[in-house]
Amino acid sequence: MKKQIIILTITVLLIVVGLSGCFGSDNENIKELNKFVGTWEHGSLQDGPIIIFYSNGTCIYIRDHAEWQIKNGKLVIDLLYRERILTLDYEFLDDNQILILTDDMGQIDDYKKI
């Protein structure tokens, strides 16, 4: 009986330790997604385009309705009416108040949170 309790205790402990890594990564993903949520104006261009990211996975991307997500470490924007998907590298600076987006052609755009 004591052996069964020890084996059960060790099994439960291994399951808890194994699952704790899963919960941590979800929290990190949520934190990363929350960095985007809000209104961003182009930092370099006077009266440049605005991007609005909503927490429900939709956005306004330069006047187009779109859906967005983080996939494989990249920002993926699905422009619904243009039937076009953008895959962008991103970087946050200045305590997450500056967003740098780089497309696959190497064009870099900077945005600041307003």
N, C-alpha and C. Protein backbone atom coordinates (compact mmCIF):
# COMPACT_ATOMS: atom_id res chain seq x y z
N MET A 1 0.82 -1.20 0.00
CA MET A 1 0.00 0.00 0.00
C MET A 1 0.86 1.26 0.00
N LYS A 2 1.96 1.25 0.81
CA LYS A 2 2.84 2.41 0.87
C LYS A 2 3.51 2.67 -0.48
N LYS A 3 3.86 1.58 -1.19
CA LYS A 3 4.48 1.73 -2.50
C LYS A 3 3.51 2.41 -3.48
N GLN A 4 2.25 2.05 -3.41
CA GLN A 4 1.25 2.64 -4.30
C GLN A 4 1.09 4.12 -4.01
N ILE A 5 1.09 4.51 -2.75
CA ILE A 5 0.97 5.93 -2.39
C ILE A 5 2.19 6.70 -2.87
N ILE A 6 3.36 6.13 -2.72
CA ILE A 6 4.59 6.79 -3.17
C ILE A 6 4.57 6.93 -4.69
N ILE A 7 4.19 5.88 -5.40
CA ILE A 7 4.13 5.93 -6.87
C ILE A 7 3.08 6.94 -7.32
N LEU A 8 1.93 6.96 -6.67
CA LEU A 8 0.87 7.92 -7.01
C LEU A 8 1.34 9.35 -6.75
N THR A 9 2.01 9.58 -5.64
CA THR A 9 2.52 10.91 -5.30
C THR A 9 3.54 11.38 -6.33
N ILE A 10 4.45 10.51 -6.71
CA ILE A 10 5.47 10.86 -7.71
C ILE A 10 4.81 11.14 -9.05
N THR A 11 3.81 10.33 -9.43
CA THR A 11 3.11 10.52 -10.70
C THR A 11 2.41 11.88 -10.72
N VAL A 12 1.68 12.20 -9.65
CA VAL A 12 0.98 13.48 -9.57
C VAL A 12 1.98 14.63 -9.63
N LEU A 13 3.09 14.51 -8.93
CA LEU A 13 4.12 15.55 -8.93
C LEU A 13 4.68 15.76 -10.34
N LEU A 14 4.95 14.70 -11.07
CA LEU A 14 5.46 14.82 -12.43
C LEU A 14 4.43 15.47 -13.35
N ILE A 15 3.17 15.13 -13.19
CA ILE A 15 2.12 15.74 -14.01
C ILE A 15 2.02 17.23 -13.73
N VAL A 16 2.04 17.62 -12.46
CA VAL A 16 1.95 19.04 -12.09
C VAL A 16 3.14 19.81 -12.64
N VAL A 17 4.33 19.27 -12.50
CA VAL A 17 5.52 19.95 -13.02
C VAL A 17 5.44 20.05 -14.55
N GLY A 18 5.00 18.99 -15.20
CA GLY A 18 4.89 19.01 -16.66
C GLY A 18 3.87 20.02 -17.15
N LEU A 19 2.76 20.15 -16.48
CA LEU A 19 1.72 21.09 -16.91
C LEU A 19 2.05 22.54 -16.56
N SER A 20 2.89 22.74 -15.56
CA SER A 20 3.21 24.12 -15.18
C SER A 20 3.90 24.86 -16.32
N GLY A 21 4.66 24.19 -17.14
CA GLY A 21 5.30 24.82 -18.30
C GLY A 21 4.28 25.25 -19.33
N CYS A 22 3.21 24.49 -19.47
CA CYS A 22 2.16 24.83 -20.44
C CYS A 22 1.47 26.12 -20.05
N PHE A 23 1.15 26.28 -18.78
CA PHE A 23 0.45 27.47 -18.33
C PHE A 23 1.32 28.71 -18.46
N GLY A 24 2.60 28.57 -18.20
CA GLY A 24 3.51 29.71 -18.31
C GLY A 24 3.60 30.24 -19.72
N SER A 25 3.65 29.35 -20.71
CA SER A 25 3.77 29.81 -22.09
C SER A 25 2.50 30.52 -22.54
N ASP A 26 1.34 30.08 -22.05
CA ASP A 26 0.09 30.77 -22.39
C ASP A 26 0.11 32.19 -21.84
N ASN A 27 0.59 32.34 -20.61
CA ASN A 27 0.68 33.68 -20.03
C ASN A 27 1.62 34.56 -20.83
N GLU A 28 2.72 34.02 -21.29
CA GLU A 28 3.66 34.78 -22.10
C GLU A 28 3.03 35.20 -23.42
N ASN A 29 2.27 34.30 -24.03
CA ASN A 29 1.59 34.63 -25.29
C ASN A 29 0.58 35.75 -25.08
N ILE A 30 -0.17 35.68 -24.00
CA ILE A 30 -1.15 36.72 -23.71
C ILE A 30 -0.46 38.06 -23.48
N LYS A 31 0.64 38.04 -22.75
CA LYS A 31 1.40 39.28 -22.51
C LYS A 31 1.90 39.86 -23.84
N GLU A 32 2.37 39.00 -24.71
CA GLU A 32 2.89 39.46 -26.02
C GLU A 32 1.76 40.06 -26.86
N LEU A 33 0.61 39.39 -26.89
CA LEU A 33 -0.53 39.91 -27.64
C LEU A 33 -1.01 41.25 -27.09
N ASN A 34 -1.02 41.37 -25.77
CA ASN A 34 -1.49 42.61 -25.15
C ASN A 34 -0.61 43.82 -25.47
N LYS A 35 0.65 43.57 -25.81
CA LYS A 35 1.53 44.67 -26.20
C LYS A 35 1.00 45.38 -27.44
N PHE A 36 0.36 44.65 -28.33
CA PHE A 36 -0.13 45.21 -29.58
C PHE A 36 -1.41 46.02 -29.41
N VAL A 37 -2.27 45.61 -28.47
CA VAL A 37 -3.61 46.18 -28.36
C VAL A 37 -3.54 47.68 -28.12
N GLY A 38 -4.26 48.42 -28.97
CA GLY A 38 -4.30 49.87 -28.89
C GLY A 38 -4.16 50.50 -30.26
N THR A 39 -3.99 51.81 -30.25
CA THR A 39 -3.88 52.57 -31.50
C THR A 39 -2.43 52.98 -31.70
N TRP A 40 -1.94 52.77 -32.90
CA TRP A 40 -0.56 53.06 -33.27
C TRP A 40 -0.55 54.01 -34.46
N GLU A 41 0.20 55.09 -34.34
CA GLU A 41 0.35 56.00 -35.47
C GLU A 41 1.76 55.88 -36.02
N HIS A 42 1.88 56.15 -37.31
CA HIS A 42 3.20 56.05 -37.95
C HIS A 42 4.12 57.07 -37.32
N GLY A 43 5.29 56.64 -36.93
CA GLY A 43 6.21 57.52 -36.21
C GLY A 43 7.00 58.45 -37.10
N SER A 44 7.30 58.05 -38.33
CA SER A 44 8.17 58.84 -39.19
C SER A 44 7.42 59.74 -40.15
N LEU A 45 6.23 59.35 -40.54
CA LEU A 45 5.49 60.10 -41.54
C LEU A 45 4.46 61.01 -40.88
N GLN A 46 4.50 62.28 -41.23
CA GLN A 46 3.47 63.22 -40.76
C GLN A 46 2.13 62.79 -41.33
N ASP A 47 1.12 62.68 -40.50
CA ASP A 47 -0.22 62.22 -40.91
C ASP A 47 -0.16 60.86 -41.61
N GLY A 48 0.75 60.02 -41.15
CA GLY A 48 0.89 58.68 -41.73
C GLY A 48 -0.23 57.75 -41.30
N PRO A 49 -0.18 56.52 -41.76
CA PRO A 49 -1.26 55.57 -41.49
C PRO A 49 -1.34 55.19 -40.01
N ILE A 50 -2.54 54.79 -39.61
CA ILE A 50 -2.80 54.36 -38.23
C ILE A 50 -3.19 52.88 -38.26
N ILE A 51 -2.73 52.16 -37.24
CA ILE A 51 -3.12 50.77 -37.05
C ILE A 51 -3.80 50.68 -35.69
N ILE A 52 -4.95 50.03 -35.63
CA ILE A 52 -5.65 49.80 -34.37
C ILE A 52 -5.78 48.30 -34.17
N PHE A 53 -5.14 47.78 -33.12
CA PHE A 53 -5.24 46.36 -32.79
C PHE A 53 -6.26 46.20 -31.65
N TYR A 54 -7.22 45.31 -31.85
CA TYR A 54 -8.21 45.00 -30.82
C TYR A 54 -7.87 43.67 -30.17
N SER A 55 -8.27 43.51 -28.92
CA SER A 55 -7.94 42.29 -28.17
C SER A 55 -8.66 41.05 -28.69
N ASN A 56 -9.69 41.23 -29.50
CA ASN A 56 -10.43 40.08 -30.04
C ASN A 56 -9.81 39.51 -31.32
N GLY A 57 -8.63 40.00 -31.70
CA GLY A 57 -7.94 39.47 -32.88
C GLY A 57 -8.29 40.17 -34.18
N THR A 58 -9.06 41.26 -34.11
CA THR A 58 -9.34 42.05 -35.30
C THR A 58 -8.53 43.33 -35.23
N CYS A 59 -8.42 44.00 -36.35
CA CYS A 59 -7.69 45.27 -36.38
C CYS A 59 -8.13 46.10 -37.57
N ILE A 60 -7.78 47.36 -37.50
CA ILE A 60 -7.87 48.25 -38.65
C ILE A 60 -6.42 48.48 -39.06
N TYR A 61 -6.06 48.00 -40.22
CA TYR A 61 -4.69 48.12 -40.71
C TYR A 61 -4.70 49.07 -41.90
N ILE A 62 -4.29 50.30 -41.63
CA ILE A 62 -4.22 51.32 -42.67
C ILE A 62 -5.54 51.36 -43.45
N ARG A 63 -6.62 51.60 -42.74
CA ARG A 63 -7.99 51.75 -43.25
C ARG A 63 -8.65 50.46 -43.75
N ASP A 64 -8.02 49.32 -43.60
CA ASP A 64 -8.62 48.05 -44.02
C ASP A 64 -8.95 47.21 -42.79
N HIS A 65 -10.10 46.54 -42.83
CA HIS A 65 -10.46 45.62 -41.76
C HIS A 65 -9.63 44.35 -41.93
N ALA A 66 -9.14 43.85 -40.81
CA ALA A 66 -8.26 42.70 -40.87
C ALA A 66 -8.36 41.89 -39.58
N GLU A 67 -7.76 40.72 -39.61
CA GLU A 67 -7.59 39.90 -38.42
C GLU A 67 -6.09 39.74 -38.20
N TRP A 68 -5.69 39.65 -36.93
CA TRP A 68 -4.27 39.55 -36.63
C TRP A 68 -4.00 38.48 -35.58
N GLN A 69 -2.77 37.96 -35.64
CA GLN A 69 -2.31 36.98 -34.67
C GLN A 69 -0.79 36.94 -34.68
N ILE A 70 -0.24 36.33 -33.65
CA ILE A 70 1.20 36.07 -33.63
C ILE A 70 1.35 34.59 -33.95
N LYS A 71 2.15 34.31 -34.98
CA LYS A 71 2.34 32.93 -35.41
C LYS A 71 3.81 32.73 -35.73
N ASN A 72 4.42 31.76 -35.07
CA ASN A 72 5.85 31.47 -35.26
C ASN A 72 6.72 32.70 -35.05
N GLY A 73 6.36 33.51 -34.06
CA GLY A 73 7.16 34.68 -33.72
C GLY A 73 7.02 35.85 -34.68
N LYS A 74 6.01 35.82 -35.53
CA LYS A 74 5.78 36.90 -36.49
C LYS A 74 4.35 37.41 -36.35
N LEU A 75 4.16 38.68 -36.71
CA LEU A 75 2.83 39.27 -36.75
C LEU A 75 2.20 38.94 -38.09
N VAL A 76 1.06 38.27 -38.06
CA VAL A 76 0.36 37.88 -39.28
C VAL A 76 -0.94 38.67 -39.35
N ILE A 77 -1.11 39.44 -40.42
CA ILE A 77 -2.30 40.27 -40.62
C ILE A 77 -3.01 39.78 -41.88
N ASP A 78 -4.26 39.38 -41.71
CA ASP A 78 -5.08 38.89 -42.81
C ASP A 78 -6.02 40.02 -43.23
N LEU A 79 -5.70 40.66 -44.36
CA LEU A 79 -6.54 41.74 -44.88
C LEU A 79 -7.78 41.12 -45.53
N LEU A 80 -8.90 41.23 -44.85
CA LEU A 80 -10.10 40.48 -45.21
C LEU A 80 -10.62 40.80 -46.60
N TYR A 81 -10.70 42.07 -46.95
CA TYR A 81 -11.32 42.45 -48.23
C TYR A 81 -10.34 42.42 -49.40
N ARG A 82 -9.06 42.38 -49.10
CA ARG A 82 -8.06 42.32 -50.17
C ARG A 82 -7.59 40.89 -50.43
N GLU A 83 -8.03 39.97 -49.58
CA GLU A 83 -7.60 38.57 -49.68
C GLU A 83 -6.08 38.49 -49.75
N ARG A 84 -5.45 39.17 -48.80
CA ARG A 84 -3.98 39.22 -48.75
C ARG A 84 -3.55 39.02 -47.30
N ILE A 85 -2.49 38.27 -47.10
CA ILE A 85 -1.96 38.03 -45.76
C ILE A 85 -0.56 38.62 -45.69
N LEU A 86 -0.34 39.47 -44.69
CA LEU A 86 0.98 40.06 -44.45
C LEU A 86 1.64 39.31 -43.30
N THR A 87 2.90 38.99 -43.46
CA THR A 87 3.68 38.37 -42.40
C THR A 87 4.84 39.31 -42.10
N LEU A 88 4.85 39.84 -40.89
CA LEU A 88 5.80 40.89 -40.54
C LEU A 88 6.64 40.50 -39.32
N ASP A 89 7.93 40.84 -39.38
CA ASP A 89 8.75 40.78 -38.19
C ASP A 89 8.40 42.00 -37.35
N TYR A 90 8.47 41.86 -36.03
CA TYR A 90 8.14 42.99 -35.18
C TYR A 90 9.12 43.08 -34.01
N GLU A 91 9.23 44.29 -33.50
CA GLU A 91 10.07 44.54 -32.34
C GLU A 91 9.45 45.70 -31.57
N PHE A 92 9.42 45.57 -30.25
CA PHE A 92 8.94 46.65 -29.40
C PHE A 92 10.13 47.35 -28.76
N LEU A 93 10.06 48.68 -28.68
CA LEU A 93 11.09 49.49 -28.05
C LEU A 93 10.44 50.46 -27.07
N ASP A 94 11.26 51.13 -26.30
CA ASP A 94 10.82 52.21 -25.41
C ASP A 94 9.63 51.78 -24.54
N ASP A 95 9.84 50.71 -23.77
CA ASP A 95 8.82 50.20 -22.85
C ASP A 95 7.52 49.89 -23.59
N ASN A 96 7.63 49.27 -24.75
CA ASN A 96 6.50 48.83 -25.59
C ASN A 96 5.67 49.98 -26.15
N GLN A 97 6.25 51.16 -26.26
CA GLN A 97 5.54 52.30 -26.81
C GLN A 97 5.90 52.55 -28.27
N ILE A 98 6.93 51.89 -28.76
CA ILE A 98 7.36 51.98 -30.17
C ILE A 98 7.29 50.57 -30.75
N LEU A 99 6.70 50.45 -31.92
CA LEU A 99 6.57 49.18 -32.62
C LEU A 99 7.27 49.31 -33.97
N ILE A 100 8.23 48.44 -34.21
CA ILE A 100 8.94 48.40 -35.49
C ILE A 100 8.44 47.19 -36.27
N LEU A 101 7.94 47.44 -37.48
CA LEU A 101 7.45 46.36 -38.35
C LEU A 101 8.34 46.28 -39.59
N THR A 102 8.73 45.07 -39.94
CA THR A 102 9.57 44.85 -41.12
C THR A 102 8.90 43.80 -41.99
N ASP A 103 8.66 44.15 -43.27
CA ASP A 103 8.03 43.19 -44.17
C ASP A 103 9.08 42.28 -44.80
N ASP A 104 8.63 41.34 -45.62
CA ASP A 104 9.56 40.37 -46.21
C ASP A 104 10.48 40.96 -47.25
N MET A 105 10.20 42.19 -47.68
CA MET A 105 11.08 42.88 -48.63
C MET A 105 12.12 43.75 -47.90
N GLY A 106 12.04 43.78 -46.57
CA GLY A 106 12.99 44.55 -45.79
C GLY A 106 12.56 45.98 -45.49
N GLN A 107 11.34 46.36 -45.90
CA GLN A 107 10.85 47.71 -45.60
C GLN A 107 10.51 47.80 -44.12
N ILE A 108 11.02 48.83 -43.48
CA ILE A 108 10.84 49.02 -42.05
C ILE A 108 9.93 50.20 -41.81
N ASP A 109 8.90 50.00 -40.98
CA ASP A 109 8.01 51.07 -40.57
C ASP A 109 7.98 51.13 -39.05
N ASP A 110 7.98 52.34 -38.53
CA ASP A 110 7.91 52.50 -37.08
C ASP A 110 6.58 53.15 -36.69
N TYR A 111 6.03 52.69 -35.58
CA TYR A 111 4.76 53.19 -35.09
C TYR A 111 4.91 53.51 -33.61
N LYS A 112 4.19 54.52 -33.16
CA LYS A 112 4.19 54.81 -31.73
C LYS A 112 2.77 54.73 -31.21
N LYS A 113 2.66 54.25 -29.99
CA LYS A 113 1.35 54.03 -29.38
C LYS A 113 0.78 55.39 -28.95
N ILE A 114 -0.50 55.60 -29.27
CA ILE A 114 -1.15 56.85 -28.85
C ILE A 114 -2.32 56.54 -27.93
